[in-house]
Amino acid sequence: MKLCTIRTPEGTRAARLDGGELIDLGFGDLGALLAEPGWRARAASGTGTTYDVRDADFAPLVPRPSKVICVGHNYTRHIEEMGRELPAYPTLFPKFADSLIGAHDDIVKPAETDALDWEVELAVVIGEEVRRAGEAQAEAAIAGFTVMNDISARDWQFRTIEWTQGKIWDSSTPVGPYLVTPDEVGGVRPALRVRTVVDGTVMQSDDTGTLLFDPVSLIAYISTIVRLRPGDLIATGTPAGVGHARDPKVYLTGGETVVTEIDGLGACANRIVEDV
């Protein structure tokens, strides 16, 4: 299945993609659907109002997750380009619901940064509550996968040794358009091509099969620390090719179109606009 949250004149709605139509599933957003016991059967059988997918206005996939956990340094080539050693444990930092935007929304470049950068990421969507998950429980907790662009203000990120302030800017992080269930992408450890294209030029290209810490191991690790709830998101890290690591460095200044895409999941396509 491919599930999403769309904006309608009556508010946001959870929907399922069926051919060229989006079918209303009877919930205000995907987070509300995932919180329901038996959500998979409800999602598969819902038969509400239909919307033409060509007219879809995608909201953040899960508008109000209880938490968004991001993983840094999880692709070997990206770690090398940043001049760091391979980590023994996942590098974690948080993001907040107020950071999230829809898959096709404009990204407003904050006036306070001169170093706005892109980061395509495979994101895991949690489908059931877990704490201290073993492997089987971690696998079962995966509702599906989606695309995230972890837009980063590098000049703020590297003000200190802790990255969070460069990662949590308001209304900066596209996520969506769809939650795609594992059965459609080869299971809970998918090997999918990921790319970032800026104004037609490929900037990042890699395969999620090369992740150091895969989605299952990340759920087991993170749930040891904190309870994961339905609708929570785990961004699994970005591959090589970010603007900050280039020589000379390349940043987003306004006017660009950034497409972050993952085979089988879809793409976030966003225009960079200047803050006014």
Protein backbone atom coordinates (compact mmCIF):
# COMPACT_ATOMS: atom_id res chain seq x y z
CA MET A 1 0.00 0.00 0.00
CA LYS A 2 0.86 3.64 -0.47
CA LEU A 3 -0.67 5.90 2.18
CA CYS A 4 -0.51 9.66 2.66
CA THR A 5 -1.95 12.73 4.35
CA ILE A 6 -3.47 15.32 2.03
CA ARG A 7 -4.89 18.79 2.56
CA THR A 8 -8.51 19.31 1.52
CA PRO A 9 -10.94 22.23 1.95
CA GLU A 10 -12.32 20.35 4.97
CA GLY A 11 -8.89 19.81 6.55
CA THR A 12 -6.26 17.09 6.32
CA ARG A 13 -7.27 13.53 5.48
CA ALA A 14 -5.51 10.15 5.51
CA ALA A 15 -5.72 8.49 2.10
CA ARG A 16 -4.64 5.42 0.14
CA LEU A 17 -3.34 5.60 -3.41
CA ASP A 18 -5.36 3.44 -5.81
CA GLY A 19 -4.37 3.96 -9.41
CA GLY A 20 -4.87 7.64 -10.14
CA GLU A 21 -7.10 8.21 -7.12
CA LEU A 22 -6.59 8.88 -3.44
CA ILE A 23 -9.24 7.21 -1.29
CA ASP A 24 -10.24 8.82 2.01
CA LEU A 25 -9.68 6.36 4.86
CA GLY A 26 -11.86 8.11 7.42
CA PHE A 27 -9.09 9.60 9.57
CA GLY A 28 -7.87 13.17 9.85
CA ASP A 29 -4.28 12.23 9.07
CA LEU A 30 -1.98 9.27 8.79
CA GLY A 31 -0.83 9.56 12.39
CA ALA A 32 -4.41 9.08 13.59
CA LEU A 33 -4.79 6.02 11.36
CA LEU A 34 -1.56 4.41 12.57
CA ALA A 35 -2.64 4.87 16.19
CA GLU A 36 -5.66 2.60 15.59
CA PRO A 37 -5.40 -1.13 16.34
CA GLY A 38 -5.68 -3.06 13.09
CA TRP A 39 -4.74 -0.03 11.01
CA ARG A 40 -3.44 -2.15 8.15
CA ALA A 41 -6.83 -3.75 7.52
CA ARG A 42 -8.56 -0.37 7.84
CA ALA A 43 -6.13 1.15 5.36
CA ALA A 44 -6.57 -1.67 2.86
CA SER A 45 -10.38 -1.67 2.98
CA GLY A 46 -11.24 2.04 3.33
CA THR A 47 -13.72 3.27 0.70
CA GLY A 48 -14.43 6.95 1.39
CA THR A 49 -14.38 10.06 -0.77
CA THR A 50 -11.95 9.95 -3.69
CA TYR A 51 -9.56 12.65 -4.86
CA ASP A 52 -7.61 12.95 -8.10
CA VAL A 53 -3.94 12.36 -7.27
CA ARG A 54 -2.94 14.96 -9.88
CA ASP A 55 -4.54 17.63 -7.69
CA ALA A 56 -3.16 16.34 -4.39
CA ASP A 57 -1.79 18.84 -1.89
CA PHE A 58 0.39 16.67 0.33
CA ALA A 59 0.68 17.60 4.00
CA PRO A 60 3.61 16.31 6.06
CA LEU A 61 3.17 12.55 5.96
CA VAL A 62 2.59 12.41 9.72
CA PRO A 63 1.77 15.99 10.75
CA ARG A 64 2.30 15.58 14.49
CA PRO A 65 4.60 12.65 15.34
CA SER A 66 5.48 12.31 18.99
CA LYS A 67 9.12 12.27 17.96
CA VAL A 68 11.41 12.40 14.95
CA ILE A 69 14.78 10.73 15.50
CA CYS A 70 17.51 11.39 12.95
CA VAL A 71 20.66 9.36 12.36
CA GLY A 72 23.93 10.94 11.29
CA HIS A 73 26.89 9.25 9.59
CA ASN A 74 25.16 6.12 8.34
CA TYR A 75 26.56 5.79 4.78
CA THR A 76 30.23 4.91 4.48
CA ARG A 77 31.05 7.35 1.65
CA HIS A 78 29.35 10.26 3.43
CA ILE A 79 31.29 9.55 6.62
CA GLU A 80 34.50 9.56 4.61
CA GLU A 81 33.68 12.83 2.82
CA MET A 82 33.07 14.48 6.19
CA GLY A 83 36.47 13.26 7.40
CA ARG A 84 35.22 11.01 10.19
CA GLU A 85 35.76 7.41 11.29
CA LEU A 86 33.04 4.77 11.03
CA PRO A 87 30.95 4.93 14.22
CA ALA A 88 30.47 2.00 16.56
CA TYR A 89 26.97 3.18 17.48
CA PRO A 90 24.32 5.26 15.72
CA THR A 91 24.70 9.04 15.99
CA LEU A 92 21.29 10.40 17.01
CA PHE A 93 19.69 13.83 17.13
CA PRO A 94 16.06 14.99 17.29
CA LYS A 95 13.82 16.90 14.97
CA PHE A 96 10.39 18.32 15.84
CA ALA A 97 6.95 18.31 14.24
CA ASP A 98 7.17 22.06 13.61
CA SER A 99 10.13 21.37 11.30
CA LEU A 100 8.07 19.22 8.93
CA ILE A 101 6.45 20.33 5.66
CA GLY A 102 4.69 18.58 2.78
CA ALA A 103 6.48 16.79 -0.03
CA HIS A 104 5.86 19.57 -2.56
CA ASP A 105 5.80 22.63 -0.29
CA ASP A 106 8.23 25.48 -0.76
CA ILE A 107 11.27 25.50 1.53
CA VAL A 108 11.80 28.98 2.93
CA LYS A 109 15.51 29.72 3.27
CA PRO A 110 15.96 31.30 6.72
CA ALA A 111 17.44 34.78 6.53
CA GLU A 112 19.83 33.80 9.33
CA THR A 113 21.76 31.17 7.34
CA ASP A 114 24.13 31.38 4.39
CA ALA A 115 24.80 27.65 4.33
CA LEU A 116 21.52 25.85 3.54
CA ASP A 117 22.14 22.27 2.40
CA TRP A 118 20.25 19.19 1.19
CA GLU A 119 20.17 15.64 2.61
CA VAL A 120 18.07 12.91 1.02
CA GLU A 121 17.09 10.27 3.58
CA LEU A 122 15.14 7.06 3.82
CA ALA A 123 12.72 7.54 6.71
CA VAL A 124 11.11 4.73 8.68
CA VAL A 125 7.52 5.16 9.86
CA ILE A 126 6.64 3.36 13.10
CA GLY A 127 3.38 1.40 13.07
CA GLU A 128 3.12 0.10 16.63
CA GLU A 129 4.41 1.00 20.06
CA VAL A 130 7.72 -0.62 21.00
CA ARG A 131 10.19 -0.38 23.86
CA ARG A 132 13.43 -2.38 24.07
CA ALA A 133 12.48 -4.19 20.89
CA GLY A 134 14.13 -7.40 19.84
CA GLU A 135 14.70 -8.07 16.14
CA ALA A 136 11.30 -9.63 15.45
CA GLN A 137 9.47 -6.90 17.33
CA ALA A 138 11.48 -4.21 15.55
CA GLU A 139 10.62 -5.71 12.17
CA ALA A 140 6.91 -5.83 13.06
CA ALA A 141 6.98 -2.20 14.19
CA ILE A 142 7.80 -0.90 10.71
CA ALA A 143 4.67 0.50 9.10
CA GLY A 144 6.60 1.53 6.02
CA PHE A 145 9.09 3.90 4.49
CA THR A 146 9.08 7.39 3.06
CA VAL A 147 11.37 10.15 1.77
CA MET A 148 12.77 12.96 3.90
CA ASN A 149 14.99 15.89 2.96
CA ASP A 150 16.86 16.76 6.14
CA ILE A 151 17.52 20.37 5.17
CA SER A 152 20.46 21.64 7.23
CA ALA A 153 21.79 25.09 8.12
CA ARG A 154 25.47 24.14 8.21
CA ASP A 155 26.70 27.40 9.72
CA TRP A 156 24.39 26.82 12.69
CA GLN A 157 24.99 23.06 12.78
CA PHE A 158 28.72 23.50 13.34
CA ARG A 159 28.55 26.36 15.83
CA THR A 160 28.93 23.66 18.50
CA ILE A 161 29.89 19.98 18.60
CA GLU A 162 26.18 19.11 18.93
CA TRP A 163 24.27 19.42 15.62
CA THR A 164 20.64 19.96 16.61
CA GLN A 165 20.44 23.72 16.11
CA GLY A 166 21.33 23.31 12.44
CA LYS A 167 18.65 20.66 11.89
CA ILE A 168 15.43 21.87 13.51
CA TRP A 169 14.54 25.08 11.67
CA ASP A 170 10.83 25.75 11.52
CA SER A 171 8.96 24.52 8.41
CA SER A 172 12.13 23.32 6.69
CA THR A 173 11.96 19.54 6.30
CA PRO A 174 9.90 17.91 3.53
CA VAL A 175 8.62 14.41 4.27
CA GLY A 176 6.45 12.22 2.03
CA PRO A 177 4.62 12.01 -0.21
CA TYR A 178 3.75 8.41 0.69
CA LEU A 179 4.22 5.79 3.36
CA VAL A 180 5.01 2.68 1.32
CA THR A 181 4.58 -0.63 3.12
CA PRO A 182 7.59 -2.99 3.25
CA ASP A 183 6.01 -5.61 0.99
CA GLU A 184 6.24 -3.17 -1.93
CA VAL A 185 9.96 -2.41 -1.55
CA GLY A 186 11.58 -5.74 -0.74
CA GLY A 187 10.99 -6.00 2.99
CA VAL A 188 12.13 -4.26 6.15
CA ARG A 189 15.77 -3.87 5.01
CA PRO A 190 15.21 -2.44 1.53
CA ALA A 191 18.00 -1.78 -0.97
CA LEU A 192 16.68 1.25 -2.84
CA ARG A 193 18.43 3.86 -4.96
CA VAL A 194 18.41 7.31 -3.32
CA ARG A 195 19.13 10.56 -5.18
CA THR A 196 19.17 14.31 -4.77
CA VAL A 197 18.80 16.41 -7.91
CA VAL A 198 19.27 20.19 -7.72
CA ASP A 199 18.10 22.11 -10.80
CA GLY A 200 18.55 19.00 -12.91
CA THR A 201 22.02 18.06 -11.61
CA VAL A 202 22.45 14.84 -9.61
CA MET A 203 24.16 15.72 -6.31
CA GLN A 204 23.65 12.52 -4.30
CA SER A 205 23.25 8.92 -5.44
CA ASP A 206 23.59 5.78 -3.35
CA ASP A 207 21.72 2.69 -2.20
CA THR A 208 20.00 2.13 1.16
CA GLY A 209 21.44 -1.37 1.16
CA THR A 210 24.76 0.24 2.16
CA LEU A 211 23.45 1.72 5.41
CA LEU A 212 25.74 0.92 8.33
CA PHE A 213 22.76 0.65 10.71
CA ASP A 214 19.68 -0.69 8.94
CA PRO A 215 16.06 0.17 9.87
CA VAL A 216 15.58 -2.89 12.08
CA SER A 217 18.76 -2.35 14.07
CA LEU A 218 17.93 1.34 14.47
CA ILE A 219 14.51 0.56 15.95
CA ALA A 220 16.05 -1.93 18.37
CA TYR A 221 18.72 0.58 19.42
CA ILE A 222 16.50 3.66 19.69
CA SER A 223 13.67 1.83 21.47
CA THR A 224 16.16 0.81 24.16
CA ILE A 225 16.47 4.51 24.97
CA VAL A 226 12.94 5.80 24.39
CA ARG A 227 9.52 4.38 23.61
CA LEU A 228 8.60 4.54 19.91
CA ARG A 229 4.97 5.23 19.13
CA PRO A 230 2.83 4.85 15.99
CA GLY A 231 3.58 7.67 13.58
CA ASP A 232 7.08 8.34 14.90
CA LEU A 233 9.73 8.84 12.22
CA ILE A 234 13.33 7.66 12.04
CA ALA A 235 15.45 9.38 9.38
CA THR A 236 18.23 6.91 8.58
CA GLY A 237 20.95 9.29 7.38
CA THR A 238 22.20 10.74 4.11
CA PRO A 239 24.76 9.55 1.55
CA ALA A 240 27.74 11.39 0.09
CA GLY A 241 27.21 14.45 -2.08
CA VAL A 242 26.01 17.14 0.32
CA GLY A 243 26.87 20.70 -0.64
CA HIS A 244 28.91 21.35 2.49
CA ALA A 245 31.43 18.62 1.61
CA ARG A 246 32.08 19.87 -1.93
CA ASP A 247 35.11 21.89 -3.00
CA PRO A 248 34.11 24.61 -3.39
CA LYS A 249 31.09 24.30 -1.08
CA VAL A 250 27.66 24.59 -2.70
CA TYR A 251 24.67 25.93 -0.78
CA LEU A 252 21.04 26.70 -1.56
CA THR A 253 20.53 30.44 -1.95
CA GLY A 254 16.97 30.70 -3.31
CA GLY A 255 15.29 29.90 -6.60
CA GLU A 256 16.52 26.30 -6.88
CA THR A 257 14.31 23.23 -7.21
CA VAL A 258 15.49 20.32 -5.06
CA VAL A 259 14.21 16.81 -5.77
CA THR A 260 14.96 14.11 -3.21
CA GLU A 261 13.80 10.73 -4.45
CA ILE A 262 13.96 7.07 -3.53
CA ASP A 263 13.04 4.30 -5.95
CA GLY A 264 9.68 2.79 -5.10
CA LEU A 265 8.81 5.52 -2.58
CA GLY A 266 8.43 8.65 -4.69
CA ALA A 267 9.98 12.07 -4.38
CA CYS A 268 9.90 15.32 -2.48
CA ALA A 269 10.16 18.19 -4.97
CA ASN A 270 10.60 21.59 -3.37
CA ARG A 271 11.40 25.10 -4.51
CA ILE A 272 13.79 27.14 -2.35
CA VAL A 273 12.36 30.60 -1.66
CA GLU A 274 13.91 33.45 0.26
CA ASP A 275 12.50 34.56 3.61
CA VAL A 276 10.62 37.87 3.37
